[in-house]
Amino acid sequence: ECIDWVTGVILAELVELGLDDNTIVIFTSDNGALAPESGGSGSNEPLRGSKGTTYEGGQRVPCIVRWPGHVPAETSDVVAAQIDLYPTLARLCGASVPTDRTVDGQDLAEVLGLDGPAVDADRPFFYMRGPAIEAVRVGPWKLQLAQQGEEKLRLYDLVADIAETTDLAADHPEVVTRLRSLIEEARADIGDEVNGIAGSGSRPMGKVDNPVTLTDFD
């Protein structure tokens, strides 16, 4: 109820200020709901798992993008993440993305029905739990190597089996090998503390001098 109310207040304020038609509103979350068995009250059905896991229920969240007159009322099954918002919004707002450093995200303008570079639909998506890579997805395939720190090799077809109920690893060893190699490449790049890998491409987190909150309400 609080989220519904706050969203309504923000959208009404944009209309009141005459900013509705040229404001991009993005509604999303950082993780799935916390399940009752973990002390929460949410449900991620039909997805398996909840917040704190690398099952789809802990990772997959809604993302609604609203820009009247620009973004059409369509849906997309392209795998994306919040790291993609930076390059997307930067270009839409006329800013340039630095070229002297690694930028992890990709421009999603094409997914939003806008002019932009072609999106790599087969880009690997890595599932992180703390400092460890537990799974990877490419296209319909998701390879799970661990779950909550426990080794657990599983291969799922997320298009046919969104609830991750059927392990297909034995039926598709070539897919397991290909996806496992992607995880090893990623570990060598960004690191994996659980496996003692520092990562040649890991960087310190970005920090802002004298940070302040955008709003301050009691």
C-alpha atoms as a PDB file:
ATOM      1  CA  GLU A   1       0.000   0.000   0.000  1.00  0.00           C
ATOM      2  CA  CYS A   2       2.857   2.384   0.784  1.00  0.00           C
ATOM      3  CA  ILE A   3       4.527   1.692  -2.592  1.00  0.00           C
ATOM      4  CA  ASP A   4       1.215   2.250  -4.409  1.00  0.00           C
ATOM      5  CA  TRP A   5       0.668   5.539  -2.589  1.00  0.00           C
ATOM      6  CA  VAL A   6       4.195   6.865  -3.151  1.00  0.00           C
ATOM      7  CA  THR A   7       4.107   5.947  -6.846  1.00  0.00           C
ATOM      8  CA  GLY A   8       0.811   7.773  -7.257  1.00  0.00           C
ATOM      9  CA  VAL A   9       2.171  10.859  -5.498  1.00  0.00           C
ATOM     10  CA  ILE A  10       5.246  10.981  -7.749  1.00  0.00           C
ATOM     11  CA  LEU A  11       3.253  10.583 -10.969  1.00  0.00           C
ATOM     12  CA  ALA A  12       0.717  13.206  -9.871  1.00  0.00           C
ATOM     13  CA  GLU A  13       3.517  15.637  -9.023  1.00  0.00           C
ATOM     14  CA  LEU A  14       5.050  15.213 -12.487  1.00  0.00           C
ATOM     15  CA  VAL A  15       1.706  16.174 -14.033  1.00  0.00           C
ATOM     16  CA  GLU A  16       1.318  19.123 -11.650  1.00  0.00           C
ATOM     17  CA  LEU A  17       4.786  20.432 -12.573  1.00  0.00           C
ATOM     18  CA  GLY A  18       4.233  19.917 -16.314  1.00  0.00           C
ATOM     19  CA  LEU A  19       7.060  17.371 -16.486  1.00  0.00           C
ATOM     20  CA  ASP A  20       5.013  14.275 -17.258  1.00  0.00           C
ATOM     21  CA  ASP A  21       5.730  14.079 -21.002  1.00  0.00           C
ATOM     22  CA  ASN A  22       9.499  14.487 -20.761  1.00  0.00           C
ATOM     23  CA  THR A  23      10.283  12.421 -17.667  1.00  0.00           C
ATOM     24  CA  ILE A  24      11.400   8.791 -17.759  1.00  0.00           C
ATOM     25  CA  VAL A  25       9.943   6.883 -14.815  1.00  0.00           C
ATOM     26  CA  ILE A  26      11.469   3.482 -13.979  1.00  0.00           C
ATOM     27  CA  PHE A  27       9.799   1.143 -11.494  1.00  0.00           C
ATOM     28  CA  THR A  28      11.906  -1.844 -10.467  1.00  0.00           C
ATOM     29  CA  SER A  29      13.510  -3.588  -7.499  1.00  0.00           C
ATOM     30  CA  ASP A  30      16.891  -4.933  -6.450  1.00  0.00           C
ATOM     31  CA  ASN A  31      15.814  -8.499  -5.574  1.00  0.00           C
ATOM     32  CA  GLY A  32      12.872 -10.813  -5.197  1.00  0.00           C
ATOM     33  CA  ALA A  33      10.599 -10.897  -2.173  1.00  0.00           C
ATOM     34  CA  LEU A  34      11.629 -12.480   1.123  1.00  0.00           C
ATOM     35  CA  ALA A  35       9.651 -15.706   1.528  1.00  0.00           C
ATOM     36  CA  PRO A  36       7.678 -16.606   4.680  1.00  0.00           C
ATOM     37  CA  GLU A  37      10.094 -19.439   5.533  1.00  0.00           C
ATOM     38  CA  SER A  38      12.845 -16.808   5.709  1.00  0.00           C
ATOM     39  CA  GLY A  39      10.845 -14.439   7.890  1.00  0.00           C
ATOM     40  CA  GLY A  40       9.218 -12.440   5.087  1.00  0.00           C
ATOM     41  CA  SER A  41       5.693 -12.156   3.759  1.00  0.00           C
ATOM     42  CA  GLY A  42       6.218 -12.069  -0.007  1.00  0.00           C
ATOM     43  CA  SER A  43       5.651 -14.524  -2.826  1.00  0.00           C
ATOM     44  CA  ASN A  44       7.644 -14.905  -6.028  1.00  0.00           C
ATOM     45  CA  GLU A  45       5.464 -17.588  -7.595  1.00  0.00           C
ATOM     46  CA  PRO A  46       5.799 -19.164 -10.085  1.00  0.00           C
ATOM     47  CA  LEU A  47       9.511 -18.486  -9.591  1.00  0.00           C
ATOM     48  CA  ARG A  48      11.566 -20.674  -7.280  1.00  0.00           C
ATOM     49  CA  GLY A  49      13.398 -19.240  -4.286  1.00  0.00           C
ATOM     50  CA  SER A  50      13.430 -15.822  -2.674  1.00  0.00           C
ATOM     51  CA  LYS A  51      15.669 -12.950  -1.638  1.00  0.00           C
ATOM     52  CA  GLY A  52      19.134 -14.176  -0.695  1.00  0.00           C
ATOM     53  CA  THR A  53      19.191 -16.990  -3.250  1.00  0.00           C
ATOM     54  CA  THR A  54      20.367 -17.176  -6.843  1.00  0.00           C
ATOM     55  CA  TYR A  55      17.201 -18.936  -7.934  1.00  0.00           C
ATOM     56  CA  GLU A  56      15.003 -16.848 -10.232  1.00  0.00           C
ATOM     57  CA  GLY A  57      12.768 -15.855  -7.316  1.00  0.00           C
ATOM     58  CA  GLY A  58      15.677 -14.120  -5.663  1.00  0.00           C
ATOM     59  CA  GLN A  59      16.995 -12.385  -8.781  1.00  0.00           C
ATOM     60  CA  ARG A  60      14.222 -11.724 -11.300  1.00  0.00           C
ATOM     61  CA  VAL A  61      12.167  -8.590 -10.654  1.00  0.00           C
ATOM     62  CA  PRO A  62       9.656  -6.403 -12.510  1.00  0.00           C
ATOM     63  CA  CYS A  63      10.947  -3.465 -14.539  1.00  0.00           C
ATOM     64  CA  ILE A  64       8.427  -0.968 -15.883  1.00  0.00           C
ATOM     65  CA  VAL A  65       9.666   1.984 -17.942  1.00  0.00           C
ATOM     66  CA  ARG A  66       7.267   4.858 -18.618  1.00  0.00           C
ATOM     67  CA  TRP A  67       7.956   7.754 -20.992  1.00  0.00           C
ATOM     68  CA  PRO A  68       4.735   9.059 -22.592  1.00  0.00           C
ATOM     69  CA  GLY A  69       4.947   9.462 -26.353  1.00  0.00           C
ATOM     70  CA  HIS A  70       8.307   7.675 -26.560  1.00  0.00           C
ATOM     71  CA  VAL A  71       8.299   4.219 -24.958  1.00  0.00           C
ATOM     72  CA  PRO A  72       5.484   2.071 -26.431  1.00  0.00           C
ATOM     73  CA  ALA A  73       3.285  -0.205 -24.335  1.00  0.00           C
ATOM     74  CA  GLU A  74       5.172  -3.421 -25.113  1.00  0.00           C
ATOM     75  CA  THR A  75       6.894  -6.205 -23.229  1.00  0.00           C
ATOM     76  CA  SER A  76      10.340  -7.732 -23.721  1.00  0.00           C
ATOM     77  CA  ASP A  77      12.022 -10.927 -22.580  1.00  0.00           C
ATOM     78  CA  VAL A  78      15.562  -9.556 -23.008  1.00  0.00           C
ATOM     79  CA  VAL A  79      17.649 -10.240 -19.909  1.00  0.00           C
ATOM     80  CA  ALA A  80      18.719  -6.920 -18.400  1.00  0.00           C
ATOM     81  CA  ALA A  81      19.990  -5.583 -15.086  1.00  0.00           C
ATOM     82  CA  GLN A  82      20.235  -2.295 -13.235  1.00  0.00           C
ATOM     83  CA  ILE A  83      23.816  -1.864 -14.469  1.00  0.00           C
ATOM     84  CA  ASP A  84      22.226  -1.240 -17.896  1.00  0.00           C
ATOM     85  CA  LEU A  85      20.383   1.866 -16.703  1.00  0.00           C
ATOM     86  CA  TYR A  86      23.542   3.986 -16.583  1.00  0.00           C
ATOM     87  CA  PRO A  87      24.534   3.777 -20.280  1.00  0.00           C
ATOM     88  CA  THR A  88      20.869   3.829 -21.343  1.00  0.00           C
ATOM     89  CA  LEU A  89      19.885   6.977 -19.467  1.00  0.00           C
ATOM     90  CA  ALA A  90      23.181   8.707 -20.185  1.00  0.00           C
ATOM     91  CA  ARG A  91      22.683   8.515 -23.944  1.00  0.00           C
ATOM     92  CA  LEU A  92      18.957   9.354 -23.793  1.00  0.00           C
ATOM     93  CA  CYS A  93      19.832  12.471 -21.796  1.00  0.00           C
ATOM     94  CA  GLY A  94      22.591  13.521 -24.212  1.00  0.00           C
ATOM     95  CA  ALA A  95      25.524  12.596 -21.976  1.00  0.00           C
ATOM     96  CA  SER A  96      28.526  10.598 -23.106  1.00  0.00           C
ATOM     97  CA  VAL A  97      29.682   7.457 -21.317  1.00  0.00           C
ATOM     98  CA  PRO A  98      33.406   7.474 -20.412  1.00  0.00           C
ATOM     99  CA  THR A  99      35.615   5.388 -22.666  1.00  0.00           C
ATOM    100  CA  ASP A 100      38.646   5.274 -20.360  1.00  0.00           C
ATOM    101  CA  ARG A 101      37.146   2.621 -18.062  1.00  0.00           C
ATOM    102  CA  THR A 102      35.074  -0.549 -18.116  1.00  0.00           C
ATOM    103  CA  VAL A 103      31.332   0.054 -18.258  1.00  0.00           C
ATOM    104  CA  ASP A 104      29.476  -3.123 -17.351  1.00  0.00           C
ATOM    105  CA  GLY A 105      26.035  -2.254 -18.692  1.00  0.00           C
ATOM    106  CA  GLN A 106      24.662  -1.981 -22.218  1.00  0.00           C
ATOM    107  CA  ASP A 107      22.340   0.574 -23.793  1.00  0.00           C
ATOM    108  CA  LEU A 108      18.761  -0.745 -23.676  1.00  0.00           C
ATOM    109  CA  ALA A 109      17.183   1.922 -25.890  1.00  0.00           C
ATOM    110  CA  GLU A 110      16.383  -0.655 -28.575  1.00  0.00           C
ATOM    111  CA  VAL A 111      14.544  -2.793 -26.007  1.00  0.00           C
ATOM    112  CA  LEU A 112      12.459   0.252 -25.073  1.00  0.00           C
ATOM    113  CA  GLY A 113      11.406   0.775 -28.682  1.00  0.00           C
ATOM    114  CA  LEU A 114      13.780   3.716 -29.163  1.00  0.00           C
ATOM    115  CA  ASP A 115      16.675   4.328 -31.541  1.00  0.00           C
ATOM    116  CA  GLY A 116      19.837   2.813 -30.194  1.00  0.00           C
ATOM    117  CA  PRO A 117      22.536   0.206 -30.747  1.00  0.00           C
ATOM    118  CA  ALA A 118      21.586  -3.437 -31.190  1.00  0.00           C
ATOM    119  CA  VAL A 119      21.260  -5.244 -27.887  1.00  0.00           C
ATOM    120  CA  ASP A 120      23.300  -8.394 -27.328  1.00  0.00           C
ATOM    121  CA  ALA A 121      20.518 -10.823 -26.422  1.00  0.00           C
ATOM    122  CA  ASP A 122      23.077 -13.593 -25.776  1.00  0.00           C
ATOM    123  CA  ARG A 123      25.143 -11.603 -23.282  1.00  0.00           C
ATOM    124  CA  PRO A 124      25.971 -13.799 -20.261  1.00  0.00           C
ATOM    125  CA  PHE A 125      24.160 -12.843 -17.062  1.00  0.00           C
ATOM    126  CA  PHE A 126      26.022 -13.857 -13.909  1.00  0.00           C
ATOM    127  CA  TYR A 127      24.221 -14.556 -10.640  1.00  0.00           C
ATOM    128  CA  MET A 128      26.194 -13.278  -7.671  1.00  0.00           C
ATOM    129  CA  ARG A 129      25.732 -14.183  -4.021  1.00  0.00           C
ATOM    130  CA  GLY A 130      28.003 -11.905  -2.065  1.00  0.00           C
ATOM    131  CA  PRO A 131      31.540 -12.277  -3.450  1.00  0.00           C
ATOM    132  CA  ALA A 132      30.829 -15.473  -5.403  1.00  0.00           C
ATOM    133  CA  ILE A 133      29.450 -16.342  -8.842  1.00  0.00           C
ATOM    134  CA  GLU A 134      26.887 -19.099  -8.357  1.00  0.00           C
ATOM    135  CA  ALA A 135      25.243 -19.292 -11.782  1.00  0.00           C
ATOM    136  CA  VAL A 136      25.151 -17.927 -15.327  1.00  0.00           C
ATOM    137  CA  ARG A 137      22.407 -17.531 -17.908  1.00  0.00           C
ATOM    138  CA  VAL A 138      22.754 -17.281 -21.688  1.00  0.00           C
ATOM    139  CA  GLY A 139      19.576 -17.293 -23.745  1.00  0.00           C
ATOM    140  CA  PRO A 140      17.198 -19.893 -22.282  1.00  0.00           C
ATOM    141  CA  TRP A 141      19.940 -21.798 -20.450  1.00  0.00           C
ATOM    142  CA  LYS A 142      20.888 -21.283 -16.814  1.00  0.00           C
ATOM    143  CA  LEU A 143      23.765 -23.231 -15.269  1.00  0.00           C
ATOM    144  CA  GLN A 144      23.783 -23.326 -11.459  1.00  0.00           C
ATOM    145  CA  LEU A 145      27.090 -24.336  -9.859  1.00  0.00           C
ATOM    146  CA  ALA A 146      26.169 -23.498  -6.271  1.00  0.00           C
ATOM    147  CA  GLN A 147      23.209 -22.371  -4.207  1.00  0.00           C
ATOM    148  CA  GLN A 148      23.702 -20.348  -1.017  1.00  0.00           C
ATOM    149  CA  GLY A 149      27.342 -21.439  -0.913  1.00  0.00           C
ATOM    150  CA  GLU A 150      26.615 -25.159  -1.360  1.00  0.00           C
ATOM    151  CA  GLU A 151      27.849 -26.845  -4.547  1.00  0.00           C
ATOM    152  CA  LYS A 152      24.877 -27.828  -6.678  1.00  0.00           C
ATOM    153  CA  LEU A 153      25.329 -28.439 -10.408  1.00  0.00           C
ATOM    154  CA  ARG A 154      22.036 -27.936 -12.234  1.00  0.00           C
ATOM    155  CA  LEU A 155      21.055 -26.908 -15.770  1.00  0.00           C
ATOM    156  CA  TYR A 156      17.669 -25.324 -16.401  1.00  0.00           C
ATOM    157  CA  ASP A 157      15.796 -24.242 -19.527  1.00  0.00           C
ATOM    158  CA  LEU A 158      14.152 -21.066 -18.205  1.00  0.00           C
ATOM    159  CA  VAL A 159      11.894 -20.677 -21.237  1.00  0.00           C
ATOM    160  CA  ALA A 160      10.312 -24.100 -20.837  1.00  0.00           C
ATOM    161  CA  ASP A 161      10.780 -24.329 -17.048  1.00  0.00           C
ATOM    162  CA  ILE A 162      10.570 -20.922 -15.409  1.00  0.00           C
ATOM    163  CA  ALA A 163      10.174 -22.538 -11.959  1.00  0.00           C
ATOM    164  CA  GLU A 164      13.515 -24.388 -12.219  1.00  0.00           C
ATOM    165  CA  THR A 165      12.059 -27.805 -11.480  1.00  0.00           C
ATOM    166  CA  THR A 166      13.886 -30.036 -13.982  1.00  0.00           C
ATOM    167  CA  ASP A 167      17.657 -30.512 -14.105  1.00  0.00           C
ATOM    168  CA  LEU A 168      18.811 -31.078 -17.708  1.00  0.00           C
ATOM    169  CA  ALA A 169      22.570 -31.251 -17.081  1.00  0.00           C
ATOM    170  CA  ALA A 170      22.841 -34.932 -17.968  1.00  0.00           C
ATOM    171  CA  ASP A 171      20.943 -34.378 -21.226  1.00  0.00           C
ATOM    172  CA  HIS A 172      23.031 -31.423 -22.424  1.00  0.00           C
ATOM    173  CA  PRO A 173      26.671 -31.856 -21.337  1.00  0.00           C
ATOM    174  CA  GLU A 174      27.868 -29.586 -24.147  1.00  0.00           C
ATOM    175  CA  VAL A 175      25.783 -26.704 -22.750  1.00  0.00           C
ATOM    176  CA  VAL A 176      27.137 -27.361 -19.252  1.00  0.00           C
ATOM    177  CA  THR A 177      30.710 -27.220 -20.564  1.00  0.00           C
ATOM    178  CA  ARG A 178      30.108 -23.998 -22.502  1.00  0.00           C
ATOM    179  CA  LEU A 179      28.424 -22.191 -19.617  1.00  0.00           C
ATOM    180  CA  ARG A 180      30.932 -23.424 -17.058  1.00  0.00           C
ATOM    181  CA  SER A 181      33.726 -21.940 -19.178  1.00  0.00           C
ATOM    182  CA  LEU A 182      31.927 -18.574 -19.125  1.00  0.00           C
ATOM    183  CA  ILE A 183      31.830 -18.672 -15.331  1.00  0.00           C
ATOM    184  CA  GLU A 184      35.554 -19.430 -15.196  1.00  0.00           C
ATOM    185  CA  GLU A 185      36.262 -16.506 -17.542  1.00  0.00           C
ATOM    186  CA  ALA A 186      34.148 -14.212 -15.379  1.00  0.00           C
ATOM    187  CA  ARG A 187      35.883 -15.367 -12.202  1.00  0.00           C
ATOM    188  CA  ALA A 188      39.249 -14.559 -13.753  1.00  0.00           C
ATOM    189  CA  ASP A 189      37.947 -11.101 -14.656  1.00  0.00           C
ATOM    190  CA  ILE A 190      35.839  -9.888 -11.711  1.00  0.00           C
ATOM    191  CA  GLY A 191      37.084 -12.297  -9.058  1.00  0.00           C
ATOM    192  CA  ASP A 192      35.441 -14.820  -6.763  1.00  0.00           C
ATOM    193  CA  GLU A 193      36.443 -14.626  -3.102  1.00  0.00           C
ATOM    194  CA  VAL A 194      34.931 -17.990  -2.213  1.00  0.00           C
ATOM    195  CA  ASN A 195      37.284 -19.665  -4.693  1.00  0.00           C
ATOM    196  CA  GLY A 196      40.224 -17.417  -3.791  1.00  0.00           C
ATOM    197  CA  ILE A 197      40.323 -15.588  -7.141  1.00  0.00           C
ATOM    198  CA  ALA A 198      41.205 -11.889  -7.033  1.00  0.00           C
ATOM    199  CA  GLY A 199      40.154 -11.023 -10.587  1.00  0.00           C
ATOM    200  CA  SER A 200      42.312  -9.071 -13.032  1.00  0.00           C
ATOM    201  CA  GLY A 201      39.486  -6.686 -13.916  1.00  0.00           C
ATOM    202  CA  SER A 202      38.045  -6.026 -10.461  1.00  0.00           C
ATOM    203  CA  ARG A 203      37.836  -2.359  -9.441  1.00  0.00           C
ATOM    204  CA  PRO A 204      37.233  -0.560  -6.155  1.00  0.00           C
ATOM    205  CA  MET A 205      33.666   0.564  -5.608  1.00  0.00           C
ATOM    206  CA  GLY A 206      32.766   4.099  -6.606  1.00  0.00           C
ATOM    207  CA  LYS A 207      32.431   6.599  -3.777  1.00  0.00           C
ATOM    208  CA  VAL A 208      31.099  10.155  -3.604  1.00  0.00           C
ATOM    209  CA  ASP A 209      32.732  12.799  -1.431  1.00  0.00           C
ATOM    210  CA  ASN A 210      30.405  14.167   1.254  1.00  0.00           C
ATOM    211  CA  PRO A 211      27.336  12.169   0.142  1.00  0.00           C
ATOM    212  CA  VAL A 212      23.879  13.463   0.992  1.00  0.00           C
ATOM    213  CA  THR A 213      20.451  11.890   0.582  1.00  0.00           C
ATOM    214  CA  LEU A 214      18.294  13.105  -2.329  1.00  0.00           C
ATOM    215  CA  THR A 215      15.355  13.616   0.037  1.00  0.00           C
ATOM    216  CA  ASP A 216      15.036  14.009   3.760  1.00  0.00           C
ATOM    217  CA  PHE A 217      11.707  13.229   5.394  1.00  0.00           C
ATOM    218  CA  ASP A 218      10.769  12.363   8.949  1.00  0.00           C
END
